[in-house]
């Protein structure tokens, strides 16, 4: 089953999780022996997050945070540690991640890496300004392609 792992350095790795035993593989990828939380930030995706990541001091995962926030349309709480993203069935079960959501994750992670590199030369004015800038860029990464948008010309007589 196709999934992704988003690392704290904003790299994204494609995963092929086993159909049986996916939960154990997810535990391994997030680095937890037993505590994995599931976040539903998109109706067709699950983010599997180390259950104690913040408590034990894992580094923040800006790429996963930006992706989840963009999917939700508002800034969320910080996410920590490596995060596995899988698909989600209507009943809430784990399934393969759809290609469009894979592209969202990869686009947002790429944007986060580029933005962090730019900030080394031009730091943001504040943490609030940084969050707003990053979320604006992330929102573009999850927006439908312009070819998917209805044409204004189609509505003109």
N, C-alpha and C. Protein backbone atom coordinates (compact mmCIF):
# COMPACT_ATOMS: atom_id res chain seq x y z
N UNK A 1 0.85 -1.16 0.00
CA UNK A 1 0.00 0.00 0.00
C UNK A 1 0.91 1.24 0.00
N UNK A 2 0.66 2.14 -0.94
CA UNK A 2 1.49 3.33 -1.07
C UNK A 2 1.18 4.34 0.03
N UNK A 3 2.25 4.84 0.66
CA UNK A 3 2.16 5.85 1.71
C UNK A 3 3.40 6.72 1.59
N UNK A 4 3.46 7.75 2.42
CA UNK A 4 4.62 8.64 2.46
C UNK A 4 5.11 8.78 3.89
N UNK A 5 6.40 9.06 4.03
CA UNK A 5 6.95 9.44 5.32
C UNK A 5 7.53 10.84 5.14
N UNK A 6 7.05 11.79 5.94
CA UNK A 6 7.56 13.15 5.91
C UNK A 6 8.50 13.31 7.11
N UNK A 7 9.78 13.54 6.82
CA UNK A 7 10.79 13.69 7.88
C UNK A 7 10.80 15.13 8.38
N UNK A 8 11.44 15.33 9.52
CA UNK A 8 11.49 16.67 10.11
C UNK A 8 12.34 17.64 9.30
N UNK A 9 13.17 17.13 8.38
CA UNK A 9 13.94 18.02 7.51
C UNK A 9 13.20 18.30 6.20
N UNK A 10 11.92 17.94 6.15
CA UNK A 10 11.02 18.19 5.02
C UNK A 10 11.32 17.31 3.81
N UNK A 11 12.04 16.21 4.02
CA UNK A 11 12.18 15.25 2.93
C UNK A 11 10.99 14.29 2.97
N UNK A 12 10.59 13.84 1.80
CA UNK A 12 9.45 12.93 1.68
C UNK A 12 9.95 11.64 1.04
N UNK A 13 9.62 10.53 1.69
CA UNK A 13 10.01 9.22 1.19
C UNK A 13 8.77 8.42 0.87
N UNK A 14 8.76 7.81 -0.32
CA UNK A 14 7.66 6.92 -0.69
C UNK A 14 7.82 5.62 0.10
N UNK A 15 6.71 5.11 0.60
CA UNK A 15 6.70 3.86 1.36
C UNK A 15 5.77 2.86 0.69
N UNK A 16 6.10 1.61 0.80
CA UNK A 16 5.22 0.52 0.36
C UNK A 16 4.90 -0.30 1.60
N UNK A 17 3.81 0.06 2.27
CA UNK A 17 3.43 -0.62 3.51
C UNK A 17 2.74 -1.94 3.20
N UNK A 18 2.98 -2.95 4.03
CA UNK A 18 2.30 -4.23 3.82
C UNK A 18 0.81 -4.10 4.11
N UNK A 19 0.01 -4.87 3.40
CA UNK A 19 -1.44 -4.83 3.64
C UNK A 19 -1.77 -5.35 5.03
N UNK A 20 -1.10 -6.43 5.43
CA UNK A 20 -1.26 -6.91 6.79
C UNK A 20 -0.01 -6.49 7.55
N UNK A 21 -0.20 -5.91 8.68
CA UNK A 21 0.93 -5.43 9.46
C UNK A 21 1.30 -3.98 9.16
N UNK A 22 0.40 -3.24 8.52
CA UNK A 22 0.69 -1.83 8.20
C UNK A 22 0.94 -1.04 9.49
N UNK A 23 0.17 -1.32 10.54
CA UNK A 23 0.31 -0.58 11.78
C UNK A 23 1.71 -0.73 12.36
N UNK A 24 2.25 -1.95 12.34
CA UNK A 24 3.61 -2.17 12.86
C UNK A 24 4.65 -1.42 12.03
N UNK A 25 4.46 -1.38 10.73
CA UNK A 25 5.38 -0.65 9.85
C UNK A 25 5.29 0.85 10.13
N UNK A 26 4.08 1.34 10.37
CA UNK A 26 3.91 2.76 10.70
C UNK A 26 4.61 3.08 12.01
N UNK A 27 4.45 2.24 13.01
CA UNK A 27 5.14 2.44 14.29
C UNK A 27 6.64 2.59 14.07
N UNK A 28 7.19 1.72 13.25
CA UNK A 28 8.62 1.74 12.98
C UNK A 28 9.03 3.05 12.30
N UNK A 29 8.26 3.48 11.31
CA UNK A 29 8.62 4.69 10.56
C UNK A 29 8.50 5.97 11.39
N UNK A 30 7.55 6.02 12.33
CA UNK A 30 7.46 7.21 13.17
C UNK A 30 8.36 7.12 14.40
N UNK A 31 8.97 5.95 14.60
CA UNK A 31 9.93 5.79 15.69
C UNK A 31 9.31 5.59 17.05
N UNK A 32 8.16 4.95 17.09
CA UNK A 32 7.48 4.74 18.36
C UNK A 32 7.32 3.24 18.62
N UNK A 33 7.46 2.88 19.87
CA UNK A 33 7.27 1.48 20.24
C UNK A 33 5.79 1.12 20.36
N UNK A 34 4.95 2.12 20.71
CA UNK A 34 3.55 1.77 20.94
C UNK A 34 2.55 2.91 20.79
N UNK A 35 2.99 4.14 20.66
CA UNK A 35 2.05 5.26 20.66
C UNK A 35 2.06 6.01 19.34
N UNK A 36 1.01 5.77 18.54
CA UNK A 36 0.85 6.51 17.29
C UNK A 36 -0.55 7.10 17.28
N UNK A 37 -0.62 8.42 17.13
CA UNK A 37 -1.90 9.10 17.00
C UNK A 37 -2.22 9.24 15.52
N UNK A 38 -3.50 9.27 15.20
CA UNK A 38 -3.94 9.49 13.83
C UNK A 38 -4.63 10.84 13.75
N UNK A 39 -4.17 11.66 12.79
CA UNK A 39 -4.81 12.94 12.54
C UNK A 39 -5.51 12.89 11.20
N UNK A 40 -6.76 13.34 11.18
CA UNK A 40 -7.52 13.41 9.94
C UNK A 40 -7.65 14.87 9.57
N UNK A 41 -6.76 15.32 8.70
CA UNK A 41 -6.75 16.72 8.27
C UNK A 41 -7.30 16.86 6.86
N UNK A 42 -7.47 15.74 6.18
CA UNK A 42 -8.09 15.67 4.85
C UNK A 42 -8.97 14.43 4.87
N UNK A 43 -10.13 14.51 4.25
CA UNK A 43 -11.09 13.40 4.34
C UNK A 43 -10.57 12.10 3.71
N UNK A 44 -9.55 12.19 2.84
CA UNK A 44 -9.02 10.99 2.19
C UNK A 44 -7.62 10.63 2.67
N UNK A 45 -7.18 11.21 3.78
CA UNK A 45 -5.82 10.93 4.27
C UNK A 45 -5.79 10.83 5.79
N UNK A 46 -4.83 10.07 6.26
CA UNK A 46 -4.54 9.98 7.69
C UNK A 46 -3.07 10.34 7.89
N UNK A 47 -2.79 11.12 8.91
CA UNK A 47 -1.41 11.37 9.31
C UNK A 47 -1.18 10.60 10.60
N UNK A 48 -0.15 9.77 10.58
CA UNK A 48 0.20 8.93 11.72
C UNK A 48 1.37 9.62 12.42
N UNK A 49 1.15 10.05 13.65
CA UNK A 49 2.05 10.93 14.38
C UNK A 49 2.51 10.24 15.66
N UNK A 50 3.80 10.34 15.97
CA UNK A 50 4.33 9.77 17.21
C UNK A 50 3.51 10.31 18.38
N UNK A 51 2.91 9.43 19.14
CA UNK A 51 2.01 9.83 20.21
C UNK A 51 2.66 10.64 21.31
N UNK A 52 3.96 10.44 21.53
CA UNK A 52 4.67 11.16 22.58
C UNK A 52 5.74 12.09 22.01
N UNK A 53 5.67 12.38 20.72
CA UNK A 53 6.71 13.14 20.05
C UNK A 53 7.04 14.48 20.69
N UNK A 54 6.02 15.25 21.01
CA UNK A 54 6.26 16.55 21.63
C UNK A 54 6.81 16.38 23.04
N UNK A 55 6.26 15.43 23.78
CA UNK A 55 6.67 15.20 25.16
C UNK A 55 8.14 14.80 25.27
N UNK A 56 8.60 13.96 24.35
CA UNK A 56 9.99 13.49 24.43
C UNK A 56 10.95 14.40 23.66
N UNK A 57 10.43 15.48 23.10
CA UNK A 57 11.29 16.48 22.48
C UNK A 57 11.70 16.21 21.05
N UNK A 58 10.89 15.47 20.30
CA UNK A 58 11.21 15.29 18.88
C UNK A 58 11.13 16.65 18.18
N UNK A 59 11.94 16.86 17.15
CA UNK A 59 11.91 18.14 16.43
C UNK A 59 10.56 18.34 15.74
N UNK A 60 10.18 19.61 15.60
CA UNK A 60 8.94 19.92 14.89
C UNK A 60 9.04 19.50 13.43
N UNK A 61 7.90 19.14 12.89
CA UNK A 61 7.83 18.74 11.49
C UNK A 61 7.04 19.82 10.75
N UNK A 62 7.78 20.84 10.26
CA UNK A 62 7.14 21.98 9.60
C UNK A 62 6.43 21.58 8.31
N UNK A 63 6.99 20.66 7.56
CA UNK A 63 6.36 20.25 6.30
C UNK A 63 5.02 19.57 6.56
N UNK A 64 4.98 18.65 7.50
CA UNK A 64 3.72 17.97 7.83
C UNK A 64 2.72 18.95 8.42
N UNK A 65 3.20 19.87 9.26
CA UNK A 65 2.33 20.90 9.85
C UNK A 65 1.74 21.79 8.76
N UNK A 66 2.57 22.22 7.82
CA UNK A 66 2.09 23.09 6.73
C UNK A 66 1.08 22.35 5.86
N UNK A 67 1.35 21.08 5.57
CA UNK A 67 0.42 20.27 4.77
C UNK A 67 -0.91 20.11 5.49
N UNK A 68 -0.87 19.70 6.74
CA UNK A 68 -2.10 19.51 7.51
C UNK A 68 -2.88 20.82 7.64
N UNK A 69 -2.18 21.90 7.88
CA UNK A 69 -2.82 23.21 8.01
C UNK A 69 -3.44 23.65 6.69
N UNK A 70 -2.75 23.41 5.59
CA UNK A 70 -3.28 23.78 4.27
C UNK A 70 -4.52 22.94 3.95
N UNK A 71 -4.46 21.65 4.27
CA UNK A 71 -5.63 20.80 4.03
C UNK A 71 -6.82 21.27 4.86
N UNK A 72 -6.58 21.70 6.08
CA UNK A 72 -7.64 22.16 6.96
C UNK A 72 -8.07 23.59 6.69
N UNK A 73 -7.16 24.38 6.12
CA UNK A 73 -7.48 25.78 5.82
C UNK A 73 -7.24 26.74 6.96
N UNK A 74 -6.56 26.28 8.01
CA UNK A 74 -6.18 27.15 9.12
C UNK A 74 -4.99 26.56 9.86
N UNK A 75 -4.22 27.41 10.56
CA UNK A 75 -3.03 26.90 11.27
C UNK A 75 -3.43 25.94 12.39
N UNK A 76 -2.70 24.85 12.47
CA UNK A 76 -2.96 23.83 13.48
C UNK A 76 -1.88 23.85 14.56
N UNK A 77 -2.01 22.97 15.51
CA UNK A 77 -1.02 22.80 16.56
C UNK A 77 0.26 22.21 15.95
N UNK A 78 1.40 22.40 16.61
CA UNK A 78 2.66 21.86 16.06
C UNK A 78 2.64 20.33 16.01
N UNK A 79 3.32 19.79 15.00
CA UNK A 79 3.49 18.35 14.86
C UNK A 79 4.98 18.05 15.02
N UNK A 80 5.29 16.91 15.63
CA UNK A 80 6.69 16.58 15.91
C UNK A 80 7.04 15.20 15.41
N UNK A 81 8.30 15.06 14.99
CA UNK A 81 8.83 13.78 14.57
C UNK A 81 8.43 13.42 13.15
N UNK A 82 8.97 12.30 12.65
CA UNK A 82 8.58 11.84 11.33
C UNK A 82 7.11 11.44 11.33
N UNK A 83 6.44 11.71 10.21
CA UNK A 83 5.01 11.45 10.12
C UNK A 83 4.72 10.64 8.86
N UNK A 84 3.93 9.59 9.03
CA UNK A 84 3.52 8.75 7.90
C UNK A 84 2.13 9.21 7.46
N UNK A 85 1.98 9.37 6.14
CA UNK A 85 0.70 9.78 5.57
C UNK A 85 0.18 8.62 4.72
N UNK A 86 -1.02 8.16 5.06
CA UNK A 86 -1.67 7.10 4.30
C UNK A 86 -3.00 7.61 3.77
N UNK A 87 -3.60 6.81 2.91
CA UNK A 87 -4.95 7.10 2.50
C UNK A 87 -5.92 6.71 3.60
N UNK A 88 -7.17 7.15 3.43
CA UNK A 88 -8.21 6.88 4.41
C UNK A 88 -9.48 6.52 3.66
N UNK A 89 -10.09 5.40 4.04
CA UNK A 89 -11.37 5.02 3.45
C UNK A 89 -12.49 5.84 4.08
N UNK A 90 -13.68 5.77 3.52
CA UNK A 90 -14.82 6.49 4.09
C UNK A 90 -15.13 6.03 5.50
N UNK A 91 -14.80 4.78 5.80
CA UNK A 91 -15.06 4.26 7.15
C UNK A 91 -13.90 4.55 8.11
N UNK A 92 -12.83 5.19 7.61
CA UNK A 92 -11.72 5.57 8.48
C UNK A 92 -10.57 4.60 8.51
N UNK A 93 -10.61 3.56 7.69
CA UNK A 93 -9.52 2.59 7.65
C UNK A 93 -8.35 3.11 6.81
N UNK A 94 -7.19 2.52 7.04
CA UNK A 94 -5.99 2.87 6.30
C UNK A 94 -6.05 2.23 4.91
N UNK A 95 -5.66 3.01 3.90
CA UNK A 95 -5.60 2.52 2.54
C UNK A 95 -4.48 3.25 1.81
N UNK A 96 -4.27 2.92 0.55
CA UNK A 96 -3.23 3.57 -0.24
C UNK A 96 -3.54 5.06 -0.42
N UNK A 97 -2.52 5.86 -0.47
CA UNK A 97 -2.66 7.31 -0.60
C UNK A 97 -2.87 7.66 -2.07
N UNK A 98 -3.92 8.43 -2.36
CA UNK A 98 -4.22 8.83 -3.73
C UNK A 98 -3.11 9.71 -4.30
N UNK A 99 -2.93 9.61 -5.61
CA UNK A 99 -1.85 10.33 -6.29
C UNK A 99 -1.92 11.85 -6.10
N UNK A 100 -3.12 12.43 -6.11
CA UNK A 100 -3.21 13.88 -5.95
C UNK A 100 -2.74 14.31 -4.56
N UNK A 101 -2.99 13.48 -3.55
CA UNK A 101 -2.54 13.81 -2.19
C UNK A 101 -1.03 13.60 -2.04
N UNK A 102 -0.49 12.64 -2.77
CA UNK A 102 0.97 12.45 -2.82
C UNK A 102 1.60 13.72 -3.38
N UNK A 103 1.02 14.25 -4.46
CA UNK A 103 1.55 15.47 -5.07
C UNK A 103 1.43 16.66 -4.12
N UNK A 104 0.33 16.77 -3.38
CA UNK A 104 0.18 17.83 -2.38
C UNK A 104 1.34 17.77 -1.39
N UNK A 105 1.57 16.58 -0.82
CA UNK A 105 2.61 16.42 0.20
C UNK A 105 3.98 16.78 -0.35
N UNK A 106 4.28 16.30 -1.54
CA UNK A 106 5.60 16.58 -2.12
C UNK A 106 5.76 18.05 -2.47
N UNK A 107 4.71 18.68 -2.97
CA UNK A 107 4.79 20.11 -3.31
C UNK A 107 4.98 20.96 -2.06
N UNK A 108 4.23 20.66 -1.01
CA UNK A 108 4.35 21.43 0.23
C UNK A 108 5.72 21.23 0.86
N UNK A 109 6.21 20.00 0.89
CA UNK A 109 7.53 19.74 1.47
C UNK A 109 8.62 20.48 0.69
N UNK A 110 8.52 20.49 -0.62
CA UNK A 110 9.48 21.21 -1.46
C UNK A 110 9.43 22.70 -1.14
N UNK A 111 8.23 23.24 -1.00
CA UNK A 111 8.05 24.65 -0.66
C UNK A 111 8.65 24.96 0.71
N UNK A 112 8.45 24.08 1.67
CA UNK A 112 9.01 24.31 3.01
C UNK A 112 10.53 24.32 2.95
N UNK A 113 11.12 23.38 2.24
CA UNK A 113 12.59 23.35 2.12
C UNK A 113 13.11 24.63 1.48
N UNK A 114 12.46 25.06 0.38
CA UNK A 114 12.88 26.29 -0.30
C UNK A 114 12.72 27.52 0.59
N UNK A 115 11.61 27.59 1.30
CA UNK A 115 11.34 28.74 2.17
C UNK A 115 12.34 28.81 3.31
N UNK A 116 12.63 27.66 3.92
CA UNK A 116 13.62 27.65 5.01
C UNK A 116 15.00 28.09 4.50
N UNK A 117 15.35 27.68 3.30
CA UNK A 117 16.64 28.10 2.71
C UNK A 117 16.65 29.61 2.48
N UNK A 118 15.55 30.17 2.00
CA UNK A 118 15.45 31.62 1.79
C UNK A 118 15.54 32.36 3.12
N UNK A 119 14.96 31.81 4.16
CA UNK A 119 14.96 32.48 5.47
C UNK A 119 16.35 32.56 6.08
N UNK A 120 17.25 31.72 5.63
CA UNK A 120 18.63 31.83 6.14
C UNK A 120 19.24 33.16 5.71
N UNK A 121 18.90 33.61 4.51
CA UNK A 121 19.41 34.89 3.99
C UNK A 121 18.50 36.06 4.36
N UNK A 122 17.21 35.81 4.47
CA UNK A 122 16.22 36.84 4.74
C UNK A 122 15.25 36.33 5.79
N UNK A 123 15.64 36.42 7.06
CA UNK A 123 14.76 35.89 8.11
C UNK A 123 13.43 36.65 8.17
N UNK A 124 12.35 35.95 8.50
CA UNK A 124 11.05 36.62 8.64
C UNK A 124 11.08 37.58 9.83
N UNK A 125 10.18 38.54 9.81
CA UNK A 125 10.14 39.57 10.85
C UNK A 125 9.74 39.00 12.21
N UNK A 126 8.93 37.95 12.21
CA UNK A 126 8.46 37.35 13.47
C UNK A 126 8.02 35.92 13.20
N UNK A 127 7.78 35.18 14.27
CA UNK A 127 7.26 33.82 14.12
C UNK A 127 5.88 33.83 13.46
N UNK A 128 5.07 34.84 13.81
CA UNK A 128 3.74 34.95 13.21
C UNK A 128 3.84 35.21 11.72
N UNK A 129 4.74 36.09 11.32
CA UNK A 129 4.95 36.37 9.90
C UNK A 129 5.45 35.12 9.17
N UNK A 130 6.33 34.38 9.81
CA UNK A 130 6.86 33.15 9.21
C UNK A 130 5.74 32.14 8.99
N UNK A 131 4.90 31.96 9.99
CA UNK A 131 3.79 31.00 9.87
C UNK A 131 2.84 31.41 8.75
N UNK A 132 2.51 32.68 8.69
CA UNK A 132 1.59 33.16 7.64
C UNK A 132 2.19 32.96 6.26
N UNK A 133 3.48 33.27 6.11
CA UNK A 133 4.15 33.11 4.83
C UNK A 133 4.17 31.64 4.41
N UNK A 134 4.56 30.78 5.33
CA UNK A 134 4.64 29.35 5.03
C UNK A 134 3.27 28.78 4.68
N UNK A 135 2.25 29.18 5.41
CA UNK A 135 0.90 28.67 5.13
C UNK A 135 0.36 29.18 3.79
N UNK A 136 0.70 30.40 3.43
CA UNK A 136 0.27 30.93 2.12
C UNK A 136 0.90 30.10 1.00
N UNK A 137 2.18 29.80 1.13
CA UNK A 137 2.85 28.97 0.13
C UNK A 137 2.28 27.55 0.11
N UNK A 138 2.02 26.99 1.27
CA UNK A 138 1.48 25.63 1.36
C UNK A 138 0.10 25.56 0.73
N UNK A 139 -0.71 26.58 0.93
CA UNK A 139 -2.06 26.60 0.35
C UNK A 139 -2.00 26.49 -1.17
N UNK A 140 -0.99 27.12 -1.76
CA UNK A 140 -0.83 27.02 -3.22
C UNK A 140 -0.49 25.59 -3.62
N UNK A 141 0.25 24.87 -2.77
CA UNK A 141 0.65 23.51 -3.08
C UNK A 141 -0.49 22.51 -3.05
N UNK A 142 -1.59 22.86 -2.38
CA UNK A 142 -2.74 21.94 -2.31
C UNK A 142 -3.93 22.45 -3.10
N UNK A 143 -3.78 23.60 -3.76
CA UNK A 143 -4.88 24.14 -4.56
C UNK A 143 -5.06 23.31 -5.82
N UNK A 144 -6.29 23.21 -6.30
CA UNK A 144 -6.50 22.47 -7.55
C UNK A 144 -5.73 23.13 -8.69
N UNK A 145 -5.27 22.32 -9.63
CA UNK A 145 -4.56 22.85 -10.78
C UNK A 145 -5.49 23.78 -11.56
N UNK A 146 -4.90 24.78 -12.19
CA UNK A 146 -5.72 25.76 -12.91
C UNK A 146 -6.56 25.10 -14.00
N UNK A 147 -6.09 23.98 -14.56
CA UNK A 147 -6.87 23.29 -15.58
C UNK A 147 -8.11 22.61 -14.98
N UNK A 148 -8.10 22.39 -13.65
CA UNK A 148 -9.25 21.79 -12.98
C UNK A 148 -10.31 22.82 -12.64
N UNK A 149 -9.92 24.10 -12.62
CA UNK A 149 -10.85 25.16 -12.24
C UNK A 149 -11.79 25.45 -13.40
N UNK A 150 -13.05 25.80 -13.09
CA UNK A 150 -13.98 26.12 -14.16
C UNK A 150 -13.54 27.40 -14.88
N UNK A 151 -13.74 27.42 -16.14
CA UNK A 151 -13.36 28.58 -16.95
C UNK A 151 -14.40 29.66 -16.85
N UNK A 152 -13.96 30.89 -16.62
CA UNK A 152 -14.85 32.04 -16.59
C UNK A 152 -15.49 32.23 -17.97
N UNK A 153 -14.72 31.96 -19.02
CA UNK A 153 -15.21 32.14 -20.38
C UNK A 153 -16.38 31.22 -20.68
N UNK A 154 -16.44 30.08 -20.03
CA UNK A 154 -17.53 29.13 -20.27
C UNK A 154 -18.86 29.70 -19.81
N UNK A 155 -18.82 30.67 -18.90
CA UNK A 155 -20.06 31.23 -18.36
C UNK A 155 -20.49 32.50 -19.09
N UNK A 156 -19.66 32.97 -20.01
CA UNK A 156 -19.98 34.19 -20.74
C UNK A 156 -20.72 33.82 -22.01
N UNK A 157 -21.89 34.44 -22.20
CA UNK A 157 -22.82 34.20 -23.27
C UNK A 157 -22.26 33.93 -24.58
